[in-house]
Amino acid sequence: MYLPGTKVISFLPVFTGKEKQILEEICTKWSPTSRSISQLYTSPLQKMEKKLKLMPGKGSIITKLSQPGRILGIEIVPSKVFESISKRYRFKNHLG
């Protein structure tokens, strides 16, 4: 099942102090009902904000980027609008 030489240890539900601290940090970050990408990253982020109304059958450009970089997340609020099974949304990115 594992490659020869792979170190495998048994899982023990008894955590060390450091493991408990890490688990508490994870629980704290993921337990609020409204999360933000800035809560998950400690390094400085460049934030862009745009308000738009999504309409059926119409496309909307969220942003155009001219500098290279990494997109860490896109937040669309309120999230309640995506909870219905009768609504279908398609998100595409266009590169180049």
C-alpha atoms as a PDB file:
ATOM      1  CA  MET A   1       0.000   0.000   0.000  1.00  0.00           C
ATOM      2  CA  TYR A   2       2.891   2.372   0.764  1.00  0.00           C
ATOM      3  CA  LEU A   3       6.177   2.721  -1.061  1.00  0.00           C
ATOM      4  CA  PRO A   4       9.128   0.948   0.559  1.00  0.00           C
ATOM      5  CA  GLY A   5      10.849   3.236   3.059  1.00  0.00           C
ATOM      6  CA  THR A   6       7.708   5.303   3.767  1.00  0.00           C
ATOM      7  CA  LYS A   7       7.448   6.101   7.459  1.00  0.00           C
ATOM      8  CA  VAL A   8       3.973   5.183   8.691  1.00  0.00           C
ATOM      9  CA  ILE A   9       2.793   5.927  12.218  1.00  0.00           C
ATOM     10  CA  SER A  10      -0.442   4.936  13.901  1.00  0.00           C
ATOM     11  CA  PHE A  11      -3.018   7.604  14.613  1.00  0.00           C
ATOM     12  CA  LEU A  12      -3.484   8.260  18.306  1.00  0.00           C
ATOM     13  CA  PRO A  13      -6.360  10.526  19.396  1.00  0.00           C
ATOM     14  CA  VAL A  14      -4.138  11.844  22.219  1.00  0.00           C
ATOM     15  CA  PHE A  15      -2.562  15.092  20.999  1.00  0.00           C
ATOM     16  CA  THR A  16       0.580  16.828  22.145  1.00  0.00           C
ATOM     17  CA  GLY A  17       0.374  20.407  23.392  1.00  0.00           C
ATOM     18  CA  LYS A  18       1.531  21.745  20.016  1.00  0.00           C
ATOM     19  CA  GLU A  19      -1.011  19.578  18.135  1.00  0.00           C
ATOM     20  CA  LYS A  20      -3.821  20.786  20.443  1.00  0.00           C
ATOM     21  CA  GLN A  21      -2.802  24.401  19.805  1.00  0.00           C
ATOM     22  CA  ILE A  22      -2.843  23.874  16.022  1.00  0.00           C
ATOM     23  CA  LEU A  23      -6.239  22.146  16.196  1.00  0.00           C
ATOM     24  CA  GLU A  24      -7.670  25.012  18.277  1.00  0.00           C
ATOM     25  CA  GLU A  25      -6.389  27.550  15.722  1.00  0.00           C
ATOM     26  CA  ILE A  26      -8.060  25.595  12.913  1.00  0.00           C
ATOM     27  CA  CYS A  27     -11.346  25.394  14.840  1.00  0.00           C
ATOM     28  CA  THR A  28     -11.240  29.128  15.551  1.00  0.00           C
ATOM     29  CA  LYS A  29     -10.636  30.006  11.900  1.00  0.00           C
ATOM     30  CA  TRP A  30     -13.327  27.694  10.507  1.00  0.00           C
ATOM     31  CA  SER A  31     -16.076  28.061  13.118  1.00  0.00           C
ATOM     32  CA  PRO A  32     -17.503  31.547  12.362  1.00  0.00           C
ATOM     33  CA  THR A  33     -20.520  31.521  10.066  1.00  0.00           C
ATOM     34  CA  SER A  34     -19.097  34.409   8.060  1.00  0.00           C
ATOM     35  CA  ARG A  35     -15.508  33.773   7.048  1.00  0.00           C
ATOM     36  CA  SER A  36     -13.192  36.006   5.089  1.00  0.00           C
ATOM     37  CA  ILE A  37     -10.099  35.077   3.118  1.00  0.00           C
ATOM     38  CA  SER A  38      -8.103  37.527   5.252  1.00  0.00           C
ATOM     39  CA  GLN A  39      -8.815  35.339   8.316  1.00  0.00           C
ATOM     40  CA  LEU A  40      -7.016  32.399   6.695  1.00  0.00           C
ATOM     41  CA  TYR A  41      -3.801  34.166   5.601  1.00  0.00           C
ATOM     42  CA  THR A  42      -1.364  36.026   7.824  1.00  0.00           C
ATOM     43  CA  SER A  43       0.611  37.727   5.043  1.00  0.00           C
ATOM     44  CA  PRO A  44      -0.581  41.097   3.680  1.00  0.00           C
ATOM     45  CA  LEU A  45      -3.213  40.795   0.954  1.00  0.00           C
ATOM     46  CA  GLN A  46      -4.169  43.132  -1.846  1.00  0.00           C
ATOM     47  CA  LYS A  47      -7.936  43.399  -1.752  1.00  0.00           C
ATOM     48  CA  MET A  48     -10.203  44.390  -4.620  1.00  0.00           C
ATOM     49  CA  GLU A  49     -13.890  44.982  -4.069  1.00  0.00           C
ATOM     50  CA  LYS A  50     -16.656  45.288  -6.626  1.00  0.00           C
ATOM     51  CA  LYS A  51     -20.427  45.356  -6.345  1.00  0.00           C
ATOM     52  CA  LEU A  52     -22.448  43.937  -9.193  1.00  0.00           C
ATOM     53  CA  LYS A  53     -25.790  42.317  -9.757  1.00  0.00           C
ATOM     54  CA  LEU A  54     -25.803  38.906 -11.419  1.00  0.00           C
ATOM     55  CA  MET A  55     -28.613  38.546 -13.938  1.00  0.00           C
ATOM     56  CA  PRO A  56     -29.802  35.319 -15.601  1.00  0.00           C
ATOM     57  CA  GLY A  57     -28.305  34.815 -19.041  1.00  0.00           C
ATOM     58  CA  LYS A  58     -25.955  37.793 -18.705  1.00  0.00           C
ATOM     59  CA  GLY A  59     -22.212  37.772 -18.186  1.00  0.00           C
ATOM     60  CA  SER A  60     -20.420  39.985 -15.688  1.00  0.00           C
ATOM     61  CA  ILE A  61     -16.718  40.739 -15.483  1.00  0.00           C
ATOM     62  CA  ILE A  62     -15.565  40.661 -11.892  1.00  0.00           C
ATOM     63  CA  THR A  63     -12.102  42.066 -12.575  1.00  0.00           C
ATOM     64  CA  LYS A  64      -9.404  42.402 -15.207  1.00  0.00           C
ATOM     65  CA  LEU A  65      -5.867  41.957 -13.974  1.00  0.00           C
ATOM     66  CA  SER A  66      -2.809  43.333 -15.762  1.00  0.00           C
ATOM     67  CA  GLN A  67      -0.141  42.266 -13.260  1.00  0.00           C
ATOM     68  CA  PRO A  68       0.969  38.705 -12.554  1.00  0.00           C
ATOM     69  CA  GLY A  69       0.076  37.280  -9.183  1.00  0.00           C
ATOM     70  CA  ARG A  70      -1.948  34.718  -7.328  1.00  0.00           C
ATOM     71  CA  ILE A  71      -5.668  34.859  -6.643  1.00  0.00           C
ATOM     72  CA  LEU A  72      -6.168  33.503  -3.145  1.00  0.00           C
ATOM     73  CA  GLY A  73      -9.936  33.680  -3.162  1.00  0.00           C
ATOM     74  CA  ILE A  74     -13.075  35.234  -4.483  1.00  0.00           C
ATOM     75  CA  GLU A  75     -15.822  36.028  -2.016  1.00  0.00           C
ATOM     76  CA  ILE A  76     -19.387  36.394  -3.233  1.00  0.00           C
ATOM     77  CA  VAL A  77     -21.890  37.549  -0.649  1.00  0.00           C
ATOM     78  CA  PRO A  78     -24.519  36.909   0.461  1.00  0.00           C
ATOM     79  CA  SER A  79     -23.948  33.181   0.099  1.00  0.00           C
ATOM     80  CA  LYS A  80     -27.638  32.425   0.730  1.00  0.00           C
ATOM     81  CA  VAL A  81     -28.405  33.102  -2.950  1.00  0.00           C
ATOM     82  CA  PHE A  82     -26.421  29.980  -3.901  1.00  0.00           C
ATOM     83  CA  GLU A  83     -28.252  27.603  -1.548  1.00  0.00           C
ATOM     84  CA  SER A  84     -31.249  26.887  -3.789  1.00  0.00           C
ATOM     85  CA  ILE A  85     -31.037  23.906  -6.145  1.00  0.00           C
ATOM     86  CA  SER A  86     -33.235  25.685  -8.687  1.00  0.00           C
ATOM     87  CA  LYS A  87     -30.618  28.349  -9.424  1.00  0.00           C
ATOM     88  CA  ARG A  88     -27.688  27.537 -11.681  1.00  0.00           C
ATOM     89  CA  TYR A  89     -24.562  29.653 -11.900  1.00  0.00           C
ATOM     90  CA  ARG A  90     -21.501  29.163 -14.060  1.00  0.00           C
ATOM     91  CA  PHE A  91     -18.215  30.845 -13.276  1.00  0.00           C
ATOM     92  CA  LYS A  92     -15.477  30.975 -15.907  1.00  0.00           C
ATOM     93  CA  ASN A  93     -12.089  32.579 -16.038  1.00  0.00           C
ATOM     94  CA  HIS A  94     -10.566  33.895 -19.206  1.00  0.00           C
ATOM     95  CA  LEU A  95      -6.801  33.986 -19.324  1.00  0.00           C
ATOM     96  CA  GLY A  96      -4.706  35.751 -21.881  1.00  0.00           C
END
